[in-house]
Amino acid sequence: MKTVINVILGICAVALAWICVGSIVDDQALDEKIEARKKVVEARLVDIKKAEEAYKQMHDTTLIYMDEESQETREVTMGAYAETFDELIAWLKSARYPEQILKEGVIQEDAQRKGWNEAKVATHIYNLRKQGLSDDQIKEKLVAEELPGVWCDTVWADSPIKALYGREDYPVDSLRYIPFSDQEDGELKEFELQGNVHFKMSIPMNYVMECAAHFRTFLKGMGKAGDNKRINMTQYEEERGAYPGLKIGDILNWNNNAGNWE
């Protein structure tokens, strides 16, 4: 009888060990699946970052504000991000883009404060040439615009797509969509995209952007264990005051458009 009991206990121990090993293996597989999805979403966010930073090179916003210290009205021009995917994608499809800039001279600080950068100087020179101005006439005009000694000759791309992504057939229409966000209802969800001016002590410092995907958008459809993992991940991030998902940039602070996973 004792031998039978020992055999039964042995079988139970083996079964329990098997269940534990299986549970660990299943948990590791789920973690790997979550990490794989996160990597795909991160890659899409990096592609959005490339597009937004190129867009900012070519677009300005001008602000008039009150300097609280001097009580004087001032004006500042700075590069601006696209605030909607419609705007960003339309630009990617239609804009000429300075793929390579051959530059001379340095854009001085006063000119930079007015929004000038190499891409904008290159575009300005291109437009003046289209108007029929000679290079000497353009250089005179640049001096009058506080760009003395600055010259940007350019190799132009028909659109920014190949220059940014290395291929002409990159599917820019998919930039707006969060990968795996269609797992439950078959409908892809869009990233949350925002742009705004960052102020410090009432002074506009720079334009900032943020693009984000909540965990609930791309970590669904992985079963009950996956739902529990997602809920725990969300709760952990919220408790430490962090965004419960993946994002680039920060609408409240300038962080060089870093990803929150970096």
C-alpha atoms as a PDB file:
ATOM      1  CA  MET A   1       0.000   0.000   0.000  1.00  0.00           C
ATOM      2  CA  LYS A   2       2.842   2.372   0.872  1.00  0.00           C
ATOM      3  CA  THR A   3       4.434   1.696  -2.500  1.00  0.00           C
ATOM      4  CA  VAL A   4       1.183   2.539  -4.308  1.00  0.00           C
ATOM      5  CA  ILE A   5       0.878   5.827  -2.417  1.00  0.00           C
ATOM      6  CA  ASN A   6       4.472   6.728  -3.273  1.00  0.00           C
ATOM      7  CA  VAL A   7       3.843   5.986  -6.949  1.00  0.00           C
ATOM      8  CA  ILE A   8       0.699   8.154  -6.931  1.00  0.00           C
ATOM      9  CA  LEU A   9       2.559  10.991  -5.188  1.00  0.00           C
ATOM     10  CA  GLY A  10       5.362  10.682  -7.722  1.00  0.00           C
ATOM     11  CA  ILE A  11       2.920  10.907 -10.610  1.00  0.00           C
ATOM     12  CA  CYS A  12       1.274  13.969  -9.015  1.00  0.00           C
ATOM     13  CA  ALA A  13       4.673  15.641  -8.562  1.00  0.00           C
ATOM     14  CA  VAL A  14       5.592  15.016 -12.199  1.00  0.00           C
ATOM     15  CA  ALA A  15       2.215  16.330 -13.367  1.00  0.00           C
ATOM     16  CA  LEU A  16       2.546  19.443 -11.196  1.00  0.00           C
ATOM     17  CA  ALA A  17       6.058  20.043 -12.491  1.00  0.00           C
ATOM     18  CA  TRP A  18       4.807  19.635 -16.055  1.00  0.00           C
ATOM     19  CA  ILE A  19       2.006  22.151 -15.453  1.00  0.00           C
ATOM     20  CA  CYS A  20       4.477  24.650 -13.947  1.00  0.00           C
ATOM     21  CA  VAL A  21       6.932  24.275 -16.832  1.00  0.00           C
ATOM     22  CA  GLY A  22       4.082  24.632 -19.329  1.00  0.00           C
ATOM     23  CA  SER A  23       2.873  27.771 -17.587  1.00  0.00           C
ATOM     24  CA  ILE A  24       6.360  29.310 -17.675  1.00  0.00           C
ATOM     25  CA  VAL A  25       6.789  28.434 -21.347  1.00  0.00           C
ATOM     26  CA  ASP A  26       3.364  29.906 -22.203  1.00  0.00           C
ATOM     27  CA  ASP A  27       4.185  33.086 -20.253  1.00  0.00           C
ATOM     28  CA  GLN A  28       7.514  33.474 -22.055  1.00  0.00           C
ATOM     29  CA  ALA A  29       5.808  32.971 -25.414  1.00  0.00           C
ATOM     30  CA  LEU A  30       3.256  35.661 -24.547  1.00  0.00           C
ATOM     31  CA  ASP A  31       6.004  38.079 -23.472  1.00  0.00           C
ATOM     32  CA  GLU A  32       7.816  37.453 -26.768  1.00  0.00           C
ATOM     33  CA  LYS A  33       4.611  38.114 -28.710  1.00  0.00           C
ATOM     34  CA  ILE A  34       4.037  41.370 -26.821  1.00  0.00           C
ATOM     35  CA  GLU A  35       7.630  42.491 -27.454  1.00  0.00           C
ATOM     36  CA  ALA A  36       7.315  41.615 -31.148  1.00  0.00           C
ATOM     37  CA  ARG A  37       4.207  43.783 -31.473  1.00  0.00           C
ATOM     38  CA  LYS A  38       5.865  46.630 -29.600  1.00  0.00           C
ATOM     39  CA  LYS A  39       8.845  46.544 -31.993  1.00  0.00           C
ATOM     40  CA  VAL A  40       6.552  46.900 -35.011  1.00  0.00           C
ATOM     41  CA  VAL A  41       4.700  49.846 -33.435  1.00  0.00           C
ATOM     42  CA  GLU A  42       8.011  51.461 -32.458  1.00  0.00           C
ATOM     43  CA  ALA A  43       9.238  51.176 -36.054  1.00  0.00           C
ATOM     44  CA  ARG A  44       6.065  52.869 -37.331  1.00  0.00           C
ATOM     45  CA  LEU A  45       6.517  55.688 -34.804  1.00  0.00           C
ATOM     46  CA  VAL A  46      10.125  56.181 -35.972  1.00  0.00           C
ATOM     47  CA  ASP A  47       8.846  56.503 -39.562  1.00  0.00           C
ATOM     48  CA  ILE A  48       6.300  59.106 -38.421  1.00  0.00           C
ATOM     49  CA  LYS A  49       9.113  60.965 -36.652  1.00  0.00           C
ATOM     50  CA  LYS A  50      11.148  61.072 -39.888  1.00  0.00           C
ATOM     51  CA  ALA A  51       8.185  62.527 -41.777  1.00  0.00           C
ATOM     52  CA  GLU A  52       7.354  65.101 -39.109  1.00  0.00           C
ATOM     53  CA  GLU A  53      10.926  66.345 -38.757  1.00  0.00           C
ATOM     54  CA  ALA A  54      11.237  66.697 -42.537  1.00  0.00           C
ATOM     55  CA  TYR A  55       7.909  68.550 -42.618  1.00  0.00           C
ATOM     56  CA  LYS A  56       9.113  70.930 -39.920  1.00  0.00           C
ATOM     57  CA  GLN A  57      12.191  71.774 -41.992  1.00  0.00           C
ATOM     58  CA  MET A  58       9.910  73.122 -44.713  1.00  0.00           C
ATOM     59  CA  HIS A  59       7.096  74.782 -42.750  1.00  0.00           C
ATOM     60  CA  ASP A  60       6.903  77.801 -40.458  1.00  0.00           C
ATOM     61  CA  THR A  61       4.565  79.334 -37.957  1.00  0.00           C
ATOM     62  CA  THR A  62       4.847  82.957 -36.811  1.00  0.00           C
ATOM     63  CA  LEU A  63       3.757  84.015 -33.337  1.00  0.00           C
ATOM     64  CA  ILE A  64       3.177  87.446 -31.870  1.00  0.00           C
ATOM     65  CA  TYR A  65       3.474  87.432 -28.090  1.00  0.00           C
ATOM     66  CA  MET A  66       3.900  89.748 -25.121  1.00  0.00           C
ATOM     67  CA  ASP A  67       7.253  89.610 -23.346  1.00  0.00           C
ATOM     68  CA  GLU A  68       6.243  89.757 -19.680  1.00  0.00           C
ATOM     69  CA  GLU A  69       9.574  91.194 -18.558  1.00  0.00           C
ATOM     70  CA  SER A  70       9.793  94.072 -21.041  1.00  0.00           C
ATOM     71  CA  GLN A  71       6.047  94.323 -21.753  1.00  0.00           C
ATOM     72  CA  GLU A  72       6.946  94.604 -25.428  1.00  0.00           C
ATOM     73  CA  THR A  73       5.128  92.917 -28.285  1.00  0.00           C
ATOM     74  CA  ARG A  74       7.500  90.581 -30.116  1.00  0.00           C
ATOM     75  CA  GLU A  75       7.388  88.270 -33.084  1.00  0.00           C
ATOM     76  CA  VAL A  76       9.075  84.910 -33.568  1.00  0.00           C
ATOM     77  CA  THR A  77       9.078  82.442 -36.454  1.00  0.00           C
ATOM     78  CA  MET A  78       9.778  78.754 -35.958  1.00  0.00           C
ATOM     79  CA  GLY A  79       9.429  75.473 -37.793  1.00  0.00           C
ATOM     80  CA  ALA A  80       6.068  73.770 -37.311  1.00  0.00           C
ATOM     81  CA  TYR A  81       4.973  70.136 -37.339  1.00  0.00           C
ATOM     82  CA  ALA A  82       1.926  68.783 -39.129  1.00  0.00           C
ATOM     83  CA  GLU A  83      -0.901  68.427 -36.625  1.00  0.00           C
ATOM     84  CA  THR A  84      -2.956  65.933 -38.643  1.00  0.00           C
ATOM     85  CA  PHE A  85      -2.100  62.884 -40.716  1.00  0.00           C
ATOM     86  CA  ASP A  86      -4.107  64.270 -43.641  1.00  0.00           C
ATOM     87  CA  GLU A  87      -1.771  67.263 -43.722  1.00  0.00           C
ATOM     88  CA  LEU A  88       1.394  65.202 -43.245  1.00  0.00           C
ATOM     89  CA  ILE A  89       0.571  62.527 -45.829  1.00  0.00           C
ATOM     90  CA  ALA A  90      -0.583  65.046 -48.453  1.00  0.00           C
ATOM     91  CA  TRP A  91       2.762  66.835 -48.089  1.00  0.00           C
ATOM     92  CA  LEU A  92       4.736  63.574 -48.389  1.00  0.00           C
ATOM     93  CA  LYS A  93       2.954  62.762 -51.629  1.00  0.00           C
ATOM     94  CA  SER A  94       3.235  66.152 -53.312  1.00  0.00           C
ATOM     95  CA  ALA A  95       6.190  68.194 -52.030  1.00  0.00           C
ATOM     96  CA  ARG A  96       9.551  68.741 -53.656  1.00  0.00           C
ATOM     97  CA  TYR A  97      12.221  67.896 -51.115  1.00  0.00           C
ATOM     98  CA  PRO A  98      15.892  68.936 -50.844  1.00  0.00           C
ATOM     99  CA  GLU A  99      17.461  65.471 -50.913  1.00  0.00           C
ATOM    100  CA  GLN A 100      21.006  66.857 -50.816  1.00  0.00           C
ATOM    101  CA  ILE A 101      22.045  70.392 -49.904  1.00  0.00           C
ATOM    102  CA  LEU A 102      25.434  71.772 -50.931  1.00  0.00           C
ATOM    103  CA  LYS A 103      25.889  74.713 -48.617  1.00  0.00           C
ATOM    104  CA  GLU A 104      28.145  77.708 -48.198  1.00  0.00           C
ATOM    105  CA  GLY A 105      28.219  80.118 -45.286  1.00  0.00           C
ATOM    106  CA  VAL A 106      26.433  80.021 -41.947  1.00  0.00           C
ATOM    107  CA  ILE A 107      22.883  81.093 -41.194  1.00  0.00           C
ATOM    108  CA  GLN A 108      23.240  83.637 -38.416  1.00  0.00           C
ATOM    109  CA  GLU A 109      21.229  83.520 -35.200  1.00  0.00           C
ATOM    110  CA  ASP A 110      19.025  86.500 -36.114  1.00  0.00           C
ATOM    111  CA  ALA A 111      18.027  84.782 -39.359  1.00  0.00           C
ATOM    112  CA  GLN A 112      17.424  81.493 -37.537  1.00  0.00           C
ATOM    113  CA  ARG A 113      15.032  83.272 -35.193  1.00  0.00           C
ATOM    114  CA  LYS A 114      13.064  84.308 -38.265  1.00  0.00           C
ATOM    115  CA  GLY A 115      12.686  80.664 -39.227  1.00  0.00           C
ATOM    116  CA  TRP A 116      15.506  80.260 -41.768  1.00  0.00           C
ATOM    117  CA  ASN A 117      17.233  76.900 -42.058  1.00  0.00           C
ATOM    118  CA  GLU A 118      19.179  75.241 -44.877  1.00  0.00           C
ATOM    119  CA  ALA A 119      16.137  73.540 -46.387  1.00  0.00           C
ATOM    120  CA  LYS A 120      14.168  76.796 -46.448  1.00  0.00           C
ATOM    121  CA  VAL A 121      17.066  78.757 -47.952  1.00  0.00           C
ATOM    122  CA  ALA A 122      17.432  76.073 -50.630  1.00  0.00           C
ATOM    123  CA  THR A 123      13.703  76.257 -51.402  1.00  0.00           C
ATOM    124  CA  HIS A 124      13.854  80.069 -51.477  1.00  0.00           C
ATOM    125  CA  ILE A 125      16.736  80.048 -53.962  1.00  0.00           C
ATOM    126  CA  TYR A 126      14.909  77.506 -56.127  1.00  0.00           C
ATOM    127  CA  ASN A 127      11.763  79.682 -56.216  1.00  0.00           C
ATOM    128  CA  LEU A 128      13.768  82.822 -57.035  1.00  0.00           C
ATOM    129  CA  ARG A 129      15.454  80.996 -59.929  1.00  0.00           C
ATOM    130  CA  LYS A 130      12.008  80.003 -61.219  1.00  0.00           C
ATOM    131  CA  GLN A 131      11.130  83.716 -61.222  1.00  0.00           C
ATOM    132  CA  GLY A 132      14.061  84.310 -63.601  1.00  0.00           C
ATOM    133  CA  LEU A 133      16.556  85.888 -61.190  1.00  0.00           C
ATOM    134  CA  SER A 134      20.235  85.265 -61.835  1.00  0.00           C
ATOM    135  CA  ASP A 135      22.445  83.835 -59.093  1.00  0.00           C
ATOM    136  CA  ASP A 136      24.046  87.270 -58.574  1.00  0.00           C
ATOM    137  CA  GLN A 137      20.610  88.863 -58.159  1.00  0.00           C
ATOM    138  CA  ILE A 138      19.606  86.133 -55.719  1.00  0.00           C
ATOM    139  CA  LYS A 139      22.730  86.714 -53.629  1.00  0.00           C
ATOM    140  CA  GLU A 140      21.897  90.429 -53.413  1.00  0.00           C
ATOM    141  CA  LYS A 141      18.391  89.531 -52.267  1.00  0.00           C
ATOM    142  CA  LEU A 142      19.753  87.133 -49.634  1.00  0.00           C
ATOM    143  CA  VAL A 143      21.937  89.908 -48.210  1.00  0.00           C
ATOM    144  CA  ALA A 144      18.838  92.107 -47.877  1.00  0.00           C
ATOM    145  CA  GLU A 145      17.097  89.206 -46.077  1.00  0.00           C
ATOM    146  CA  GLU A 146      19.901  88.923 -43.494  1.00  0.00           C
ATOM    147  CA  LEU A 147      21.483  85.918 -45.205  1.00  0.00           C
ATOM    148  CA  PRO A 148      24.848  87.342 -46.310  1.00  0.00           C
ATOM    149  CA  GLY A 149      27.282  84.762 -47.626  1.00  0.00           C
ATOM    150  CA  VAL A 150      24.726  81.965 -47.377  1.00  0.00           C
ATOM    151  CA  TRP A 151      24.149  79.761 -50.401  1.00  0.00           C
ATOM    152  CA  CYS A 152      22.425  76.388 -50.698  1.00  0.00           C
ATOM    153  CA  ASP A 153      22.534  74.538 -53.993  1.00  0.00           C
ATOM    154  CA  THR A 154      20.296  71.550 -53.996  1.00  0.00           C
ATOM    155  CA  VAL A 155      19.683  68.132 -55.482  1.00  0.00           C
ATOM    156  CA  TRP A 156      15.886  67.882 -55.446  1.00  0.00           C
ATOM    157  CA  ALA A 157      13.747  64.789 -54.940  1.00  0.00           C
ATOM    158  CA  ASP A 158      10.301  64.752 -56.568  1.00  0.00           C
ATOM    159  CA  SER A 159       8.871  63.865 -53.154  1.00  0.00           C
ATOM    160  CA  PRO A 160      10.288  63.273 -49.672  1.00  0.00           C
ATOM    161  CA  ILE A 161       9.256  59.595 -49.674  1.00  0.00           C
ATOM    162  CA  LYS A 162      12.351  58.004 -51.228  1.00  0.00           C
ATOM    163  CA  ALA A 163      14.697  60.443 -49.491  1.00  0.00           C
ATOM    164  CA  LEU A 164      13.221  59.567 -46.085  1.00  0.00           C
ATOM    165  CA  TYR A 165      12.471  55.866 -46.455  1.00  0.00           C
ATOM    166  CA  GLY A 166      14.860  54.681 -49.163  1.00  0.00           C
ATOM    167  CA  ARG A 167      12.066  53.485 -51.479  1.00  0.00           C
ATOM    168  CA  GLU A 168       9.533  55.207 -53.689  1.00  0.00           C
ATOM    169  CA  ASP A 169       6.763  52.694 -52.952  1.00  0.00           C
ATOM    170  CA  TYR A 170       6.737  53.197 -49.174  1.00  0.00           C
ATOM    171  CA  PRO A 171       3.026  53.037 -48.179  1.00  0.00           C
ATOM    172  CA  VAL A 172       2.700  56.498 -46.626  1.00  0.00           C
ATOM    173  CA  ASP A 173      -1.079  56.111 -46.305  1.00  0.00           C
ATOM    174  CA  SER A 174      -0.399  53.472 -43.630  1.00  0.00           C
ATOM    175  CA  LEU A 175       1.553  55.900 -41.420  1.00  0.00           C
ATOM    176  CA  ARG A 176      -1.609  56.941 -39.590  1.00  0.00           C
ATOM    177  CA  TYR A 177      -2.579  53.404 -38.573  1.00  0.00           C
ATOM    178  CA  ILE A 178      -1.463  51.528 -35.456  1.00  0.00           C
ATOM    179  CA  PRO A 179      -0.269  48.011 -36.341  1.00  0.00           C
ATOM    180  CA  PHE A 180      -2.345  45.169 -34.778  1.00  0.00           C
ATOM    181  CA  SER A 181      -5.113  47.591 -33.758  1.00  0.00           C
ATOM    182  CA  ASP A 182      -7.645  45.666 -35.869  1.00  0.00           C
ATOM    183  CA  GLN A 183      -7.343  42.394 -33.950  1.00  0.00           C
ATOM    184  CA  GLU A 184     -10.791  42.497 -32.339  1.00  0.00           C
ATOM    185  CA  ASP A 185     -13.116  44.410 -34.653  1.00  0.00           C
ATOM    186  CA  GLY A 186     -11.168  44.379 -37.922  1.00  0.00           C
ATOM    187  CA  GLU A 187     -10.792  48.177 -37.971  1.00  0.00           C
ATOM    188  CA  LEU A 188      -7.366  49.809 -37.763  1.00  0.00           C
ATOM    189  CA  LYS A 189      -7.095  52.646 -35.237  1.00  0.00           C
ATOM    190  CA  GLU A 190      -5.095  55.835 -35.817  1.00  0.00           C
ATOM    191  CA  PHE A 191      -2.183  57.116 -33.767  1.00  0.00           C
ATOM    192  CA  GLU A 192      -2.924  60.136 -31.588  1.00  0.00           C
ATOM    193  CA  LEU A 193      -1.034  62.996 -33.283  1.00  0.00           C
ATOM    194  CA  GLN A 194      -0.644  66.453 -31.775  1.00  0.00           C
ATOM    195  CA  GLY A 195       1.491  69.523 -32.371  1.00  0.00           C
ATOM    196  CA  ASN A 196       1.802  72.696 -30.356  1.00  0.00           C
ATOM    197  CA  VAL A 197       4.085  75.569 -29.379  1.00  0.00           C
ATOM    198  CA  HIS A 198       6.039  74.998 -26.161  1.00  0.00           C
ATOM    199  CA  PHE A 199       6.145  78.101 -23.949  1.00  0.00           C
ATOM    200  CA  LYS A 200       8.523  78.789 -21.080  1.00  0.00           C
ATOM    201  CA  MET A 201       7.848  81.795 -18.831  1.00  0.00           C
ATOM    202  CA  SER A 202       5.435  83.132 -21.504  1.00  0.00           C
ATOM    203  CA  ILE A 203       8.153  82.935 -24.188  1.00  0.00           C
ATOM    204  CA  PRO A 204       7.534  80.585 -27.136  1.00  0.00           C
ATOM    205  CA  MET A 205      10.567  78.287 -27.161  1.00  0.00           C
ATOM    206  CA  ASN A 206       9.898  75.814 -29.981  1.00  0.00           C
ATOM    207  CA  TYR A 207       7.257  73.718 -31.676  1.00  0.00           C
ATOM    208  CA  VAL A 208       6.694  70.296 -30.117  1.00  0.00           C
ATOM    209  CA  MET A 209       4.821  67.220 -31.281  1.00  0.00           C
ATOM    210  CA  GLU A 210       3.589  63.955 -29.837  1.00  0.00           C
ATOM    211  CA  CYS A 211       2.409  60.769 -31.512  1.00  0.00           C
ATOM    212  CA  ALA A 212       1.112  57.939 -29.336  1.00  0.00           C
ATOM    213  CA  ALA A 213      -0.505  54.494 -29.295  1.00  0.00           C
ATOM    214  CA  HIS A 214      -2.122  53.238 -26.068  1.00  0.00           C
ATOM    215  CA  PHE A 215      -1.478  49.616 -25.046  1.00  0.00           C
ATOM    216  CA  ARG A 216      -5.197  48.896 -25.485  1.00  0.00           C
ATOM    217  CA  THR A 217      -4.926  49.630 -29.220  1.00  0.00           C
ATOM    218  CA  PHE A 218      -2.242  47.121 -30.197  1.00  0.00           C
ATOM    219  CA  LEU A 219      -2.141  44.507 -27.400  1.00  0.00           C
ATOM    220  CA  LYS A 220      -5.641  43.115 -27.821  1.00  0.00           C
ATOM    221  CA  GLY A 221      -6.604  39.752 -29.285  1.00  0.00           C
ATOM    222  CA  MET A 222      -4.042  37.704 -27.343  1.00  0.00           C
ATOM    223  CA  GLY A 223      -6.435  35.798 -25.093  1.00  0.00           C
ATOM    224  CA  LYS A 224      -7.278  36.150 -21.421  1.00  0.00           C
ATOM    225  CA  ALA A 225      -3.633  35.950 -20.317  1.00  0.00           C
ATOM    226  CA  GLY A 226      -2.794  38.695 -22.815  1.00  0.00           C
ATOM    227  CA  ASP A 227      -5.622  40.877 -21.481  1.00  0.00           C
ATOM    228  CA  ASN A 228      -4.298  40.446 -17.936  1.00  0.00           C
ATOM    229  CA  LYS A 229      -0.775  41.375 -19.049  1.00  0.00           C
ATOM    230  CA  ARG A 230      -2.058  44.471 -20.847  1.00  0.00           C
ATOM    231  CA  ILE A 231      -4.077  45.592 -17.834  1.00  0.00           C
ATOM    232  CA  ASN A 232      -1.074  45.104 -15.530  1.00  0.00           C
ATOM    233  CA  MET A 233       1.232  46.990 -17.910  1.00  0.00           C
ATOM    234  CA  THR A 234      -1.255  49.861 -18.144  1.00  0.00           C
ATOM    235  CA  GLN A 235      -1.669  50.048 -14.374  1.00  0.00           C
ATOM    236  CA  TYR A 236       2.099  50.007 -13.801  1.00  0.00           C
ATOM    237  CA  GLU A 237       2.717  52.920 -16.201  1.00  0.00           C
ATOM    238  CA  GLU A 238      -0.183  54.971 -14.830  1.00  0.00           C
ATOM    239  CA  GLU A 239       0.965  54.478 -11.239  1.00  0.00           C
ATOM    240  CA  ARG A 240       4.396  55.875 -12.063  1.00  0.00           C
ATOM    241  CA  GLY A 241       2.920  58.773 -14.012  1.00  0.00           C
ATOM    242  CA  ALA A 242       4.017  57.540 -17.427  1.00  0.00           C
ATOM    243  CA  TYR A 243       2.072  57.111 -20.654  1.00  0.00           C
ATOM    244  CA  PRO A 244       0.531  53.600 -20.821  1.00  0.00           C
ATOM    245  CA  GLY A 245       1.664  52.812 -24.327  1.00  0.00           C
ATOM    246  CA  LEU A 246       4.288  53.832 -26.870  1.00  0.00           C
ATOM    247  CA  LYS A 247       4.889  57.384 -28.041  1.00  0.00           C
ATOM    248  CA  ILE A 248       7.395  59.771 -29.569  1.00  0.00           C
ATOM    249  CA  GLY A 249       7.775  63.387 -28.474  1.00  0.00           C
ATOM    250  CA  ASP A 250       5.903  65.169 -25.717  1.00  0.00           C
ATOM    251  CA  ILE A 251       3.222  67.795 -26.212  1.00  0.00           C
ATOM    252  CA  LEU A 252       4.137  69.517 -22.938  1.00  0.00           C
ATOM    253  CA  ASN A 253       7.930  69.438 -23.159  1.00  0.00           C
ATOM    254  CA  TRP A 254      10.644  69.424 -25.772  1.00  0.00           C
ATOM    255  CA  ASN A 255      12.497  66.073 -25.752  1.00  0.00           C
ATOM    256  CA  ASN A 256      13.885  65.947 -29.286  1.00  0.00           C
ATOM    257  CA  ASN A 257      11.003  63.634 -30.238  1.00  0.00           C
ATOM    258  CA  ALA A 258      12.492  60.735 -28.307  1.00  0.00           C
ATOM    259  CA  GLY A 259      10.540  57.512 -27.990  1.00  0.00           C
ATOM    260  CA  ASN A 260       9.437  56.579 -24.477  1.00  0.00           C
ATOM    261  CA  TRP A 261      10.979  53.136 -24.966  1.00  0.00           C
ATOM    262  CA  GLU A 262      14.469  54.556 -25.615  1.00  0.00           C
END
